[in-house]
Amino acid sequence: MDSFNSPTTRPLYRGTQIVWYILGFIEVLLAFRFVLKLLGANPAAGFTSFIYGVTYIFAAPFLNVFRITQVAGSIFEWTTLLAMFVYLVLAFGIIKLFLMGKTVSTPEAAAKLNAQENN
């Protein structure tokens, strides 16, 4: 049975879509955080406070990795960029795990194994 006719193809496709959607949402929030810090936004402002509060949970594991670069009220937060990169790599890993569960035919599996053997 190939992946075109497999009953697992559609759930795998939906799963990958969900992972990409969640990643996109987190990346946009972290990008807002990065830009607001870079531009020296007022942390007491409603929108800025909301973004900092929501993104703190995603940025917190990385907050002490790098020093904060501060220039005239602007903050270049390297840790936010690191968080964005780590979440991107994590999403790629999850997608690869999903794709490992994809149904393959015996000839397709044999061809891929032969290609790996020759590399």
PDB file of N, CA and C in Angstrom:
ATOM      1  N   MET A   1       0.859  -1.175   0.000  1.00  0.00           N
ATOM      2  CA  MET A   1       0.000   0.000   0.000  1.00  0.00           C
ATOM      3  C   MET A   1       0.904   1.236   0.000  1.00  0.00           C
ATOM      4  N   ASP A   2       0.637   2.149  -0.916  1.00  0.00           N
ATOM      5  CA  ASP A   2       1.422   3.380  -0.948  1.00  0.00           C
ATOM      6  C   ASP A   2       0.754   4.448  -0.097  1.00  0.00           C
ATOM      7  N   SER A   3       1.459   5.556   0.095  1.00  0.00           N
ATOM      8  CA  SER A   3       0.948   6.597   0.990  1.00  0.00           C
ATOM      9  C   SER A   3      -0.257   7.327   0.412  1.00  0.00           C
ATOM     10  N   PHE A   4      -0.479   7.242  -0.906  1.00  0.00           N
ATOM     11  CA  PHE A   4      -1.644   7.902  -1.506  1.00  0.00           C
ATOM     12  C   PHE A   4      -2.952   7.237  -1.075  1.00  0.00           C
ATOM     13  N   ASN A   5      -2.913   5.937  -0.850  1.00  0.00           N
ATOM     14  CA  ASN A   5      -4.117   5.189  -0.490  1.00  0.00           C
ATOM     15  C   ASN A   5      -4.165   4.797   0.983  1.00  0.00           C
ATOM     16  N   SER A   6      -3.184   5.176   1.749  1.00  0.00           N
ATOM     17  CA  SER A   6      -3.105   4.779   3.151  1.00  0.00           C
ATOM     18  C   SER A   6      -4.076   5.584   4.012  1.00  0.00           C
ATOM     19  N   PRO A   7      -4.711   4.928   4.981  1.00  0.00           N
ATOM     20  CA  PRO A   7      -5.610   5.654   5.886  1.00  0.00           C
ATOM     21  C   PRO A   7      -4.856   6.562   6.869  1.00  0.00           C
ATOM     22  N   THR A   8      -3.540   6.396   6.977  1.00  0.00           N
ATOM     23  CA  THR A   8      -2.776   7.238   7.910  1.00  0.00           C
ATOM     24  C   THR A   8      -2.277   8.532   7.278  1.00  0.00           C
ATOM     25  N   THR A   9      -2.397   8.669   5.973  1.00  0.00           N
ATOM     26  CA  THR A   9      -1.844   9.848   5.301  1.00  0.00           C
ATOM     27  C   THR A   9      -2.539  11.131   5.725  1.00  0.00           C
ATOM     28  N   ARG A  10      -3.849  11.117   5.759  1.00  0.00           N
ATOM     29  CA  ARG A  10      -4.584  12.340   6.109  1.00  0.00           C
ATOM     30  C   ARG A  10      -4.304  12.803   7.543  1.00  0.00           C
ATOM     31  N   PRO A  11      -4.347  11.904   8.550  1.00  0.00           N
ATOM     32  CA  PRO A  11      -4.001  12.356   9.907  1.00  0.00           C
ATOM     33  C   PRO A  11      -2.560  12.870  10.017  1.00  0.00           C
ATOM     34  N   LEU A  12      -1.627  12.241   9.309  1.00  0.00           N
ATOM     35  CA  LEU A  12      -0.249  12.730   9.323  1.00  0.00           C
ATOM     36  C   LEU A  12      -0.162  14.125   8.721  1.00  0.00           C
ATOM     37  N   TYR A  13      -0.889  14.333   7.634  1.00  0.00           N
ATOM     38  CA  TYR A  13      -0.907  15.650   6.993  1.00  0.00           C
ATOM     39  C   TYR A  13      -1.482  16.694   7.942  1.00  0.00           C
ATOM     40  N   ARG A  14      -2.591  16.360   8.598  1.00  0.00           N
ATOM     41  CA  ARG A  14      -3.204  17.294   9.550  1.00  0.00           C
ATOM     42  C   ARG A  14      -2.263  17.561  10.727  1.00  0.00           C
ATOM     43  N   GLY A  15      -1.593  16.531  11.185  1.00  0.00           N
ATOM     44  CA  GLY A  15      -0.642  16.697  12.286  1.00  0.00           C
ATOM     45  C   GLY A  15       0.487  17.645  11.923  1.00  0.00           C
ATOM     46  N   THR A  16       1.018  17.502  10.709  1.00  0.00           N
ATOM     47  CA  THR A  16       2.088  18.409  10.284  1.00  0.00           C
ATOM     48  C   THR A  16       1.564  19.832  10.136  1.00  0.00           C
ATOM     49  N   GLN A  17       0.339  19.980   9.658  1.00  0.00           N
ATOM     50  CA  GLN A  17      -0.249  21.315   9.558  1.00  0.00           C
ATOM     51  C   GLN A  17      -0.383  21.963  10.935  1.00  0.00           C
ATOM     52  N   ILE A  18      -0.810  21.193  11.912  1.00  0.00           N
ATOM     53  CA  ILE A  18      -0.971  21.719  13.272  1.00  0.00           C
ATOM     54  C   ILE A  18       0.378  22.154  13.840  1.00  0.00           C
ATOM     55  N   VAL A  19       1.414  21.332  13.633  1.00  0.00           N
ATOM     56  CA  VAL A  19       2.748  21.688  14.133  1.00  0.00           C
ATOM     57  C   VAL A  19       3.229  22.983  13.490  1.00  0.00           C
ATOM     58  N   TRP A  20       3.059  23.114  12.168  1.00  0.00           N
ATOM     59  CA  TRP A  20       3.499  24.343  11.486  1.00  0.00           C
ATOM     60  C   TRP A  20       2.691  25.550  11.953  1.00  0.00           C
ATOM     61  N   TYR A  21       1.405  25.367  12.202  1.00  0.00           N
ATOM     62  CA  TYR A  21       0.574  26.477  12.676  1.00  0.00           C
ATOM     63  C   TYR A  21       1.026  26.934  14.064  1.00  0.00           C
ATOM     64  N   ILE A  22       1.252  25.987  14.962  1.00  0.00           N
ATOM     65  CA  ILE A  22       1.703  26.334  16.313  1.00  0.00           C
ATOM     66  C   ILE A  22       3.064  27.015  16.260  1.00  0.00           C
ATOM     67  N   LEU A  23       3.966  26.471  15.440  1.00  0.00           N
ATOM     68  CA  LEU A  23       5.281  27.095  15.298  1.00  0.00           C
ATOM     69  C   LEU A  23       5.149  28.518  14.778  1.00  0.00           C
ATOM     70  N   GLY A  24       4.338  28.718  13.754  1.00  0.00           N
ATOM     71  CA  GLY A  24       4.147  30.055  13.199  1.00  0.00           C
ATOM     72  C   GLY A  24       3.617  31.024  14.232  1.00  0.00           C
ATOM     73  N   PHE A  25       2.677  30.580  15.031  1.00  0.00           N
ATOM     74  CA  PHE A  25       2.094  31.423  16.076  1.00  0.00           C
ATOM     75  C   PHE A  25       3.152  31.826  17.106  1.00  0.00           C
ATOM     76  N   ILE A  26       3.933  30.851  17.569  1.00  0.00           N
ATOM     77  CA  ILE A  26       4.981  31.132  18.554  1.00  0.00           C
ATOM     78  C   ILE A  26       6.049  32.041  17.962  1.00  0.00           C
ATOM     79  N   GLU A  27       6.438  31.782  16.715  1.00  0.00           N
ATOM     80  CA  GLU A  27       7.476  32.597  16.068  1.00  0.00           C
ATOM     81  C   GLU A  27       7.023  34.044  15.908  1.00  0.00           C
ATOM     82  N   VAL A  28       5.763  34.254  15.546  1.00  0.00           N
ATOM     83  CA  VAL A  28       5.251  35.625  15.392  1.00  0.00           C
ATOM     84  C   VAL A  28       5.251  36.339  16.739  1.00  0.00           C
ATOM     85  N   LEU A  29       4.804  35.664  17.782  1.00  0.00           N
ATOM     86  CA  LEU A  29       4.814  36.275  19.115  1.00  0.00           C
ATOM     87  C   LEU A  29       6.236  36.627  19.552  1.00  0.00           C
ATOM     88  N   LEU A  30       7.174  35.708  19.324  1.00  0.00           N
ATOM     89  CA  LEU A  30       8.561  35.981  19.701  1.00  0.00           C
ATOM     90  C   LEU A  30       9.163  37.094  18.848  1.00  0.00           C
ATOM     91  N   ALA A  31       8.769  37.173  17.586  1.00  0.00           N
ATOM     92  CA  ALA A  31       9.246  38.267  16.730  1.00  0.00           C
ATOM     93  C   ALA A  31       8.727  39.606  17.244  1.00  0.00           C
ATOM     94  N   PHE A  32       7.463  39.646  17.660  1.00  0.00           N
ATOM     95  CA  PHE A  32       6.924  40.868  18.273  1.00  0.00           C
ATOM     96  C   PHE A  32       7.747  41.241  19.506  1.00  0.00           C
ATOM     97  N   ARG A  33       8.039  40.263  20.342  1.00  0.00           N
ATOM     98  CA  ARG A  33       8.832  40.513  21.550  1.00  0.00           C
ATOM     99  C   ARG A  33      10.189  41.107  21.184  1.00  0.00           C
ATOM    100  N   PHE A  34      10.853  40.491  20.207  1.00  0.00           N
ATOM    101  CA  PHE A  34      12.179  40.945  19.792  1.00  0.00           C
ATOM    102  C   PHE A  34      12.137  42.386  19.289  1.00  0.00           C
ATOM    103  N   VAL A  35      11.177  42.682  18.419  1.00  0.00           N
ATOM    104  CA  VAL A  35      11.074  44.029  17.845  1.00  0.00           C
ATOM    105  C   VAL A  35      10.709  45.051  18.916  1.00  0.00           C
ATOM    106  N   LEU A  36       9.783  44.721  19.796  1.00  0.00           N
ATOM    107  CA  LEU A  36       9.402  45.654  20.859  1.00  0.00           C
ATOM    108  C   LEU A  36      10.583  45.956  21.781  1.00  0.00           C
ATOM    109  N   LYS A  37      11.351  44.939  22.129  1.00  0.00           N
ATOM    110  CA  LYS A  37      12.540  45.166  22.963  1.00  0.00           C
ATOM    111  C   LYS A  37      13.571  45.994  22.205  1.00  0.00           C
ATOM    112  N   LEU A  38      13.753  45.684  20.927  1.00  0.00           N
ATOM    113  CA  LEU A  38      14.737  46.389  20.108  1.00  0.00           C
ATOM    114  C   LEU A  38      14.393  47.863  19.958  1.00  0.00           C
ATOM    115  N   LEU A  39      13.118  48.154  19.817  1.00  0.00           N
ATOM    116  CA  LEU A  39      12.686  49.540  19.635  1.00  0.00           C
ATOM    117  C   LEU A  39      12.479  50.266  20.962  1.00  0.00           C
ATOM    118  N   GLY A  40      12.701  49.592  22.075  1.00  0.00           N
ATOM    119  CA  GLY A  40      12.576  50.223  23.385  1.00  0.00           C
ATOM    120  C   GLY A  40      11.150  50.566  23.754  1.00  0.00           C
ATOM    121  N   ALA A  41      10.221  49.684  23.425  1.00  0.00           N
ATOM    122  CA  ALA A  41       8.803  49.925  23.717  1.00  0.00           C
ATOM    123  C   ALA A  41       8.567  50.024  25.222  1.00  0.00           C
ATOM    124  N   ASN A  42       7.592  50.813  25.587  1.00  0.00           N
ATOM    125  CA  ASN A  42       7.229  51.013  26.990  1.00  0.00           C
ATOM    126  C   ASN A  42       6.614  49.719  27.539  1.00  0.00           C
ATOM    127  N   PRO A  43       7.273  49.067  28.515  1.00  0.00           N
ATOM    128  CA  PRO A  43       6.739  47.811  29.046  1.00  0.00           C
ATOM    129  C   PRO A  43       5.427  47.972  29.805  1.00  0.00           C
ATOM    130  N   ALA A  44       5.077  49.199  30.172  1.00  0.00           N
ATOM    131  CA  ALA A  44       3.821  49.431  30.887  1.00  0.00           C
ATOM    132  C   ALA A  44       2.635  49.555  29.936  1.00  0.00           C
ATOM    133  N   ALA A  45       2.901  49.713  28.639  1.00  0.00           N
ATOM    134  CA  ALA A  45       1.819  49.808  27.651  1.00  0.00           C
ATOM    135  C   ALA A  45       1.103  48.463  27.565  1.00  0.00           C
ATOM    136  N   GLY A  46      -0.182  48.500  27.319  1.00  0.00           N
ATOM    137  CA  GLY A  46      -1.005  47.289  27.312  1.00  0.00           C
ATOM    138  C   GLY A  46      -0.527  46.220  26.348  1.00  0.00           C
ATOM    139  N   PHE A  47      -0.334  46.586  25.087  1.00  0.00           N
ATOM    140  CA  PHE A  47       0.071  45.609  24.074  1.00  0.00           C
ATOM    141  C   PHE A  47       1.449  45.038  24.393  1.00  0.00           C
ATOM    142  N   THR A  48       2.369  45.920  24.758  1.00  0.00           N
ATOM    143  CA  THR A  48       3.729  45.483  25.072  1.00  0.00           C
ATOM    144  C   THR A  48       3.721  44.552  26.277  1.00  0.00           C
ATOM    145  N   SER A  49       2.986  44.911  27.297  1.00  0.00           N
ATOM    146  CA  SER A  49       2.882  44.084  28.494  1.00  0.00           C
ATOM    147  C   SER A  49       2.286  42.717  28.161  1.00  0.00           C
ATOM    148  N   PHE A  50       1.264  42.714  27.305  1.00  0.00           N
ATOM    149  CA  PHE A  50       0.633  41.462  26.884  1.00  0.00           C
ATOM    150  C   PHE A  50       1.636  40.563  26.157  1.00  0.00           C
ATOM    151  N   ILE A  51       2.362  41.131  25.190  1.00  0.00           N
ATOM    152  CA  ILE A  51       3.331  40.348  24.417  1.00  0.00           C
ATOM    153  C   ILE A  51       4.431  39.809  25.328  1.00  0.00           C
ATOM    154  N   TYR A  52       4.964  40.653  26.212  1.00  0.00           N
ATOM    155  CA  TYR A  52       6.014  40.195  27.128  1.00  0.00           C
ATOM    156  C   TYR A  52       5.499  39.088  28.045  1.00  0.00           C
ATOM    157  N   GLY A  53       4.266  39.222  28.512  1.00  0.00           N
ATOM    158  CA  GLY A  53       3.688  38.214  29.394  1.00  0.00           C
ATOM    159  C   GLY A  53       3.457  36.885  28.701  1.00  0.00           C
ATOM    160  N   VAL A  54       2.924  36.938  27.488  1.00  0.00           N
ATOM    161  CA  VAL A  54       2.622  35.709  26.741  1.00  0.00           C
ATOM    162  C   VAL A  54       3.901  35.009  26.295  1.00  0.00           C
ATOM    163  N   THR A  55       4.898  35.782  25.877  1.00  0.00           N
ATOM    164  CA  THR A  55       6.117  35.174  25.342  1.00  0.00           C
ATOM    165  C   THR A  55       7.125  34.791  26.412  1.00  0.00           C
ATOM    166  N   TYR A  56       6.909  35.230  27.632  1.00  0.00           N
ATOM    167  CA  TYR A  56       7.876  34.911  28.690  1.00  0.00           C
ATOM    168  C   TYR A  56       8.055  33.402  28.843  1.00  0.00           C
ATOM    169  N   ILE A  57       6.974  32.661  28.782  1.00  0.00           N
ATOM    170  CA  ILE A  57       7.053  31.202  28.957  1.00  0.00           C
ATOM    171  C   ILE A  57       7.897  30.551  27.856  1.00  0.00           C
ATOM    172  N   PHE A  58       7.884  31.133  26.650  1.00  0.00           N
ATOM    173  CA  PHE A  58       8.668  30.576  25.545  1.00  0.00           C
ATOM    174  C   PHE A  58      10.121  31.039  25.589  1.00  0.00           C
ATOM    175  N   ALA A  59      10.363  32.232  26.104  1.00  0.00           N
ATOM    176  CA  ALA A  59      11.719  32.779  26.157  1.00  0.00           C
ATOM    177  C   ALA A  59      12.446  32.413  27.450  1.00  0.00           C
ATOM    178  N   ALA A  60      11.715  32.083  28.501  1.00  0.00           N
ATOM    179  CA  ALA A  60      12.306  31.844  29.826  1.00  0.00           C
ATOM    180  C   ALA A  60      13.431  30.807  29.846  1.00  0.00           C
ATOM    181  N   PRO A  61      13.317  29.669  29.148  1.00  0.00           N
ATOM    182  CA  PRO A  61      14.412  28.689  29.218  1.00  0.00           C
ATOM    183  C   PRO A  61      15.735  29.208  28.657  1.00  0.00           C
ATOM    184  N   PHE A  62      15.685  30.287  27.893  1.00  0.00           N
ATOM    185  CA  PHE A  62      16.879  30.785  27.218  1.00  0.00           C
ATOM    186  C   PHE A  62      17.376  32.121  27.773  1.00  0.00           C
ATOM    187  N   LEU A  63      16.713  32.664  28.787  1.00  0.00           N
ATOM    188  CA  LEU A  63      17.005  34.024  29.243  1.00  0.00           C
ATOM    189  C   LEU A  63      18.427  34.220  29.755  1.00  0.00           C
ATOM    190  N   ASN A  64      19.053  33.222  30.306  1.00  0.00           N
ATOM    191  CA  ASN A  64      20.399  33.390  30.852  1.00  0.00           C
ATOM    192  C   ASN A  64      21.495  32.833  29.952  1.00  0.00           C
ATOM    193  N   VAL A  65      21.162  32.481  28.730  1.00  0.00           N
ATOM    194  CA  VAL A  65      22.158  31.919  27.823  1.00  0.00           C
ATOM    195  C   VAL A  65      23.140  32.991  27.358  1.00  0.00           C
ATOM    196  N   PHE A  66      22.636  34.133  26.945  1.00  0.00           N
ATOM    197  CA  PHE A  66      23.470  35.236  26.470  1.00  0.00           C
ATOM    198  C   PHE A  66      23.247  36.464  27.338  1.00  0.00           C
ATOM    199  N   ARG A  67      24.210  37.356  27.290  1.00  0.00           N
ATOM    200  CA  ARG A  67      24.020  38.651  27.934  1.00  0.00           C
ATOM    201  C   ARG A  67      23.090  39.490  27.078  1.00  0.00           C
ATOM    202  N   ILE A  68      22.401  40.401  27.733  1.00  0.00           N
ATOM    203  CA  ILE A  68      21.512  41.311  27.014  1.00  0.00           C
ATOM    204  C   ILE A  68      22.339  42.489  26.521  1.00  0.00           C
ATOM    205  N   THR A  69      22.211  42.801  25.236  1.00  0.00           N
ATOM    206  CA  THR A  69      22.898  43.943  24.657  1.00  0.00           C
ATOM    207  C   THR A  69      21.949  45.124  24.714  1.00  0.00           C
ATOM    208  N   GLN A  70      22.359  46.162  25.435  1.00  0.00           N
ATOM    209  CA  GLN A  70      21.489  47.323  25.617  1.00  0.00           C
ATOM    210  C   GLN A  70      22.204  48.565  25.097  1.00  0.00           C
ATOM    211  N   VAL A  71      21.514  49.316  24.224  1.00  0.00           N
ATOM    212  CA  VAL A  71      22.058  50.543  23.660  1.00  0.00           C
ATOM    213  C   VAL A  71      20.981  51.610  23.705  1.00  0.00           C
ATOM    214  N   ALA A  72      21.202  52.639  24.484  1.00  0.00           N
ATOM    215  CA  ALA A  72      20.314  53.812  24.549  1.00  0.00           C
ATOM    216  C   ALA A  72      18.832  53.445  24.650  1.00  0.00           C
ATOM    217  N   GLY A  73      18.485  52.600  25.593  1.00  0.00           N
ATOM    218  CA  GLY A  73      17.088  52.253  25.816  1.00  0.00           C
ATOM    219  C   GLY A  73      16.584  51.096  24.975  1.00  0.00           C
ATOM    220  N   SER A  74      17.322  50.715  23.957  1.00  0.00           N
ATOM    221  CA  SER A  74      16.945  49.571  23.128  1.00  0.00           C
ATOM    222  C   SER A  74      17.645  48.321  23.645  1.00  0.00           C
ATOM    223  N   ILE A  75      16.961  47.212  23.557  1.00  0.00           N
ATOM    224  CA  ILE A  75      17.528  45.944  24.023  1.00  0.00           C
ATOM    225  C   ILE A  75      17.549  44.972  22.852  1.00  0.00           C
ATOM    226  N   PHE A  76      18.748  44.487  22.535  1.00  0.00           N
ATOM    227  CA  PHE A  76      18.879  43.441  21.521  1.00  0.00           C
ATOM    228  C   PHE A  76      18.909  42.123  22.278  1.00  0.00           C
ATOM    229  N   GLU A  77      17.790  41.442  22.279  1.00  0.00           N
ATOM    230  CA  GLU A  77      17.632  40.232  23.090  1.00  0.00           C
ATOM    231  C   GLU A  77      18.007  38.994  22.275  1.00  0.00           C
ATOM    232  N   TRP A  78      19.263  38.596  22.400  1.00  0.00           N
ATOM    233  CA  TRP A  78      19.768  37.426  21.691  1.00  0.00           C
ATOM    234  C   TRP A  78      18.994  36.168  22.068  1.00  0.00           C
ATOM    235  N   THR A  79      18.547  36.113  23.298  1.00  0.00           N
ATOM    236  CA  THR A  79      17.862  34.911  23.770  1.00  0.00           C
ATOM    237  C   THR A  79      16.551  34.665  23.023  1.00  0.00           C
ATOM    238  N   THR A  80      15.889  35.733  22.603  1.00  0.00           N
ATOM    239  CA  THR A  80      14.655  35.559  21.832  1.00  0.00           C
ATOM    240  C   THR A  80      14.971  34.953  20.470  1.00  0.00           C
ATOM    241  N   LEU A  81      16.057  35.404  19.854  1.00  0.00           N
ATOM    242  CA  LEU A  81      16.462  34.822  18.572  1.00  0.00           C
ATOM    243  C   LEU A  81      16.838  33.353  18.739  1.00  0.00           C
ATOM    244  N   LEU A  82      17.529  33.040  19.829  1.00  0.00           N
ATOM    245  CA  LEU A  82      17.873  31.647  20.108  1.00  0.00           C
ATOM    246  C   LEU A  82      16.612  30.808  20.303  1.00  0.00           C
ATOM    247  N   ALA A  83      15.652  31.336  21.047  1.00  0.00           N
ATOM    248  CA  ALA A  83      14.394  30.617  21.268  1.00  0.00           C
ATOM    249  C   ALA A  83      13.683  30.352  19.943  1.00  0.00           C
ATOM    250  N   MET A  84      13.657  31.349  19.066  1.00  0.00           N
ATOM    251  CA  MET A  84      13.005  31.178  17.765  1.00  0.00           C
ATOM    252  C   MET A  84      13.691  30.070  16.969  1.00  0.00           C
ATOM    253  N   PHE A  85      15.019  30.036  17.000  1.00  0.00           N
ATOM    254  CA  PHE A  85      15.764  29.012  16.275  1.00  0.00           C
ATOM    255  C   PHE A  85      15.513  27.623  16.868  1.00  0.00           C
ATOM    256  N   VAL A  86      15.549  27.522  18.192  1.00  0.00           N
ATOM    257  CA  VAL A  86      15.348  26.223  18.852  1.00  0.00           C
ATOM    258  C   VAL A  86      13.950  25.681  18.564  1.00  0.00           C
ATOM    259  N   TYR A  87      12.929  26.542  18.610  1.00  0.00           N
ATOM    260  CA  TYR A  87      11.571  26.075  18.328  1.00  0.00           C
ATOM    261  C   TYR A  87      11.414  25.658  16.869  1.00  0.00           C
ATOM    262  N   LEU A  88      12.129  26.312  15.966  1.00  0.00           N
ATOM    263  CA  LEU A  88      12.103  25.910  14.560  1.00  0.00           C
ATOM    264  C   LEU A  88      12.709  24.517  14.398  1.00  0.00           C
ATOM    265  N   VAL A  89      13.866  24.289  15.015  1.00  0.00           N
ATOM    266  CA  VAL A  89      14.512  22.975  14.947  1.00  0.00           C
ATOM    267  C   VAL A  89      13.623  21.910  15.586  1.00  0.00           C
ATOM    268  N   LEU A  90      12.999  22.239  16.702  1.00  0.00           N
ATOM    269  CA  LEU A  90      12.091  21.313  17.378  1.00  0.00           C
ATOM    270  C   LEU A  90      10.909  20.944  16.477  1.00  0.00           C
ATOM    271  N   ALA A  91      10.346  21.926  15.791  1.00  0.00           N
ATOM    272  CA  ALA A  91       9.226  21.657  14.878  1.00  0.00           C
ATOM    273  C   ALA A  91       9.668  20.751  13.739  1.00  0.00           C
ATOM    274  N   PHE A  92      10.860  21.007  13.175  1.00  0.00           N
ATOM    275  CA  PHE A  92      11.367  20.132  12.119  1.00  0.00           C
ATOM    276  C   PHE A  92      11.514  18.702  12.632  1.00  0.00           C
ATOM    277  N   GLY A  93      12.005  18.542  13.852  1.00  0.00           N
ATOM    278  CA  GLY A  93      12.151  17.212  14.435  1.00  0.00           C
ATOM    279  C   GLY A  93      10.818  16.506  14.613  1.00  0.00           C
ATOM    280  N   ILE A  94       9.817  17.232  15.081  1.00  0.00           N
ATOM    281  CA  ILE A  94       8.482  16.648  15.260  1.00  0.00           C
ATOM    282  C   ILE A  94       7.895  16.233  13.915  1.00  0.00           C
ATOM    283  N   ILE A  95       8.061  17.080  12.913  1.00  0.00           N
ATOM    284  CA  ILE A  95       7.561  16.749  11.572  1.00  0.00           C
ATOM    285  C   ILE A  95       8.250  15.495  11.049  1.00  0.00           C
ATOM    286  N   LYS A  96       9.561  15.399  11.245  1.00  0.00           N
ATOM    287  CA  LYS A  96      10.294  14.206  10.795  1.00  0.00           C
ATOM    288  C   LYS A  96       9.768  12.953  11.505  1.00  0.00           C
ATOM    289  N   LEU A  97       9.464  13.068  12.791  1.00  0.00           N
ATOM    290  CA  LEU A  97       8.899  11.925  13.510  1.00  0.00           C
ATOM    291  C   LEU A  97       7.546  11.527  12.935  1.00  0.00           C
ATOM    292  N   PHE A  98       6.724  12.517  12.612  1.00  0.00           N
ATOM    293  CA  PHE A  98       5.431  12.222  11.982  1.00  0.00           C
ATOM    294  C   PHE A  98       5.641  11.491  10.660  1.00  0.00           C
ATOM    295  N   LEU A  99       6.569  11.979   9.861  1.00  0.00           N
ATOM    296  CA  LEU A  99       6.781  11.404   8.535  1.00  0.00           C
ATOM    297  C   LEU A  99       7.378  10.003   8.604  1.00  0.00           C
ATOM    298  N   MET A 100       8.034   9.682   9.711  1.00  0.00           N
ATOM    299  CA  MET A 100       8.543   8.320   9.872  1.00  0.00           C
ATOM    300  C   MET A 100       7.396   7.322   9.991  1.00  0.00           C
ATOM    301  N   GLY A 101       6.224   7.776  10.405  1.00  0.00           N
ATOM    302  CA  GLY A 101       5.059   6.913  10.530  1.00  0.00           C
ATOM    303  C   GLY A 101       4.276   6.762   9.243  1.00  0.00           C
ATOM    304  N   LYS A 102       4.746   7.409   8.180  1.00  0.00           N
ATOM    305  CA  LYS A 102       4.052   7.353   6.893  1.00  0.00           C
ATOM    306  C   LYS A 102       4.157   5.953   6.293  1.00  0.00           C
ATOM    307  N   THR A 103       3.079   5.487   5.715  1.00  0.00           N
ATOM    308  CA  THR A 103       3.055   4.183   5.065  1.00  0.00           C
ATOM    309  C   THR A 103       3.877   4.230   3.782  1.00  0.00           C
ATOM    310  N   VAL A 104       4.724   3.222   3.601  1.00  0.00           N
ATOM    311  CA  VAL A 104       5.507   3.113   2.369  1.00  0.00           C
ATOM    312  C   VAL A 104       5.334   1.711   1.805  1.00  0.00           C
ATOM    313  N   SER A 105       5.414   1.611   0.502  1.00  0.00           N
ATOM    314  CA  SER A 105       5.328   0.300  -0.134  1.00  0.00           C
ATOM    315  C   SER A 105       6.681  -0.395  -0.005  1.00  0.00           C
ATOM    316  N   THR A 106       6.692  -1.695  -0.193  1.00  0.00           N
ATOM    317  CA  THR A 106       7.936  -2.460  -0.087  1.00  0.00           C
ATOM    318  C   THR A 106       8.965  -2.009  -1.120  1.00  0.00           C
ATOM    319  N   PRO A 107       8.581  -1.806  -2.395  1.00  0.00           N
ATOM    320  CA  PRO A 107       9.583  -1.327  -3.360  1.00  0.00           C
ATOM    321  C   PRO A 107      10.148   0.055  -2.993  1.00  0.00           C
ATOM    322  N   GLU A 108       9.279   0.938  -2.488  1.00  0.00           N
ATOM    323  CA  GLU A 108       9.736   2.273  -2.089  1.00  0.00           C
ATOM    324  C   GLU A 108      10.710   2.173  -0.914  1.00  0.00           C
ATOM    325  N   ALA A 109      10.397   1.322   0.061  1.00  0.00           N
ATOM    326  CA  ALA A 109      11.280   1.137   1.214  1.00  0.00           C
ATOM    327  C   ALA A 109      12.617   0.548   0.782  1.00  0.00           C
ATOM    328  N   ALA A 110      12.575  -0.429  -0.123  1.00  0.00           N
ATOM    329  CA  ALA A 110      13.814  -1.047  -0.607  1.00  0.00           C
ATOM    330  C   ALA A 110      14.683  -0.030  -1.339  1.00  0.00           C
ATOM    331  N   ALA A 111      14.071   0.809  -2.162  1.00  0.00           N
ATOM    332  CA  ALA A 111      14.827   1.826  -2.896  1.00  0.00           C
ATOM    333  C   ALA A 111      15.476   2.824  -1.943  1.00  0.00           C
ATOM    334  N   LYS A 112      14.749   3.232  -0.915  1.00  0.00           N
ATOM    335  CA  LYS A 112      15.306   4.190   0.054  1.00  0.00           C
ATOM    336  C   LYS A 112      16.425   3.559   0.873  1.00  0.00           C
ATOM    337  N   LEU A 113      16.269   2.294   1.246  1.00  0.00           N
ATOM    338  CA  LEU A 113      17.332   1.616   1.988  1.00  0.00           C
ATOM    339  C   LEU A 113      18.583   1.458   1.136  1.00  0.00           C
ATOM    340  N   ASN A 114      18.404   1.130  -0.142  1.00  0.00           N
ATOM    341  CA  ASN A 114      19.551   1.018  -1.040  1.00  0.00           C
ATOM    342  C   ASN A 114      20.255   2.356  -1.203  1.00  0.00           C
ATOM    343  N   ALA A 115      19.485   3.430  -1.299  1.00  0.00           N
ATOM    344  CA  ALA A 115      20.077   4.764  -1.434  1.00  0.00           C
ATOM    345  C   ALA A 115      20.874   5.123  -0.181  1.00  0.00           C
ATOM    346  N   GLN A 116      20.358   4.771   0.998  1.00  0.00           N
ATOM    347  CA  GLN A 116      21.080   5.048   2.244  1.00  0.00           C
ATOM    348  C   GLN A 116      22.344   4.201   2.345  1.00  0.00           C
ATOM    349  N   GLU A 117      22.264   2.979   1.855  1.00  0.00           N
ATOM    350  CA  GLU A 117      23.410   2.076   1.908  1.00  0.00           C
ATOM    351  C   GLU A 117      24.548   2.575   1.027  1.00  0.00           C
ATOM    352  N   ASN A 118      24.210   3.181  -0.092  1.00  0.00           N
ATOM    353  CA  ASN A 118      25.218   3.661  -1.034  1.00  0.00           C
ATOM    354  C   ASN A 118      25.839   4.984  -0.612  1.00  0.00           C
ATOM    355  N   ASN A 119      25.246   5.672   0.328  1.00  0.00           N
ATOM    356  CA  ASN A 119      25.797   6.969   0.773  1.00  0.00           C
ATOM    357  C   ASN A 119      26.773   6.805   1.848  1.00  0.00           C
TER     358      ASN A 119
END
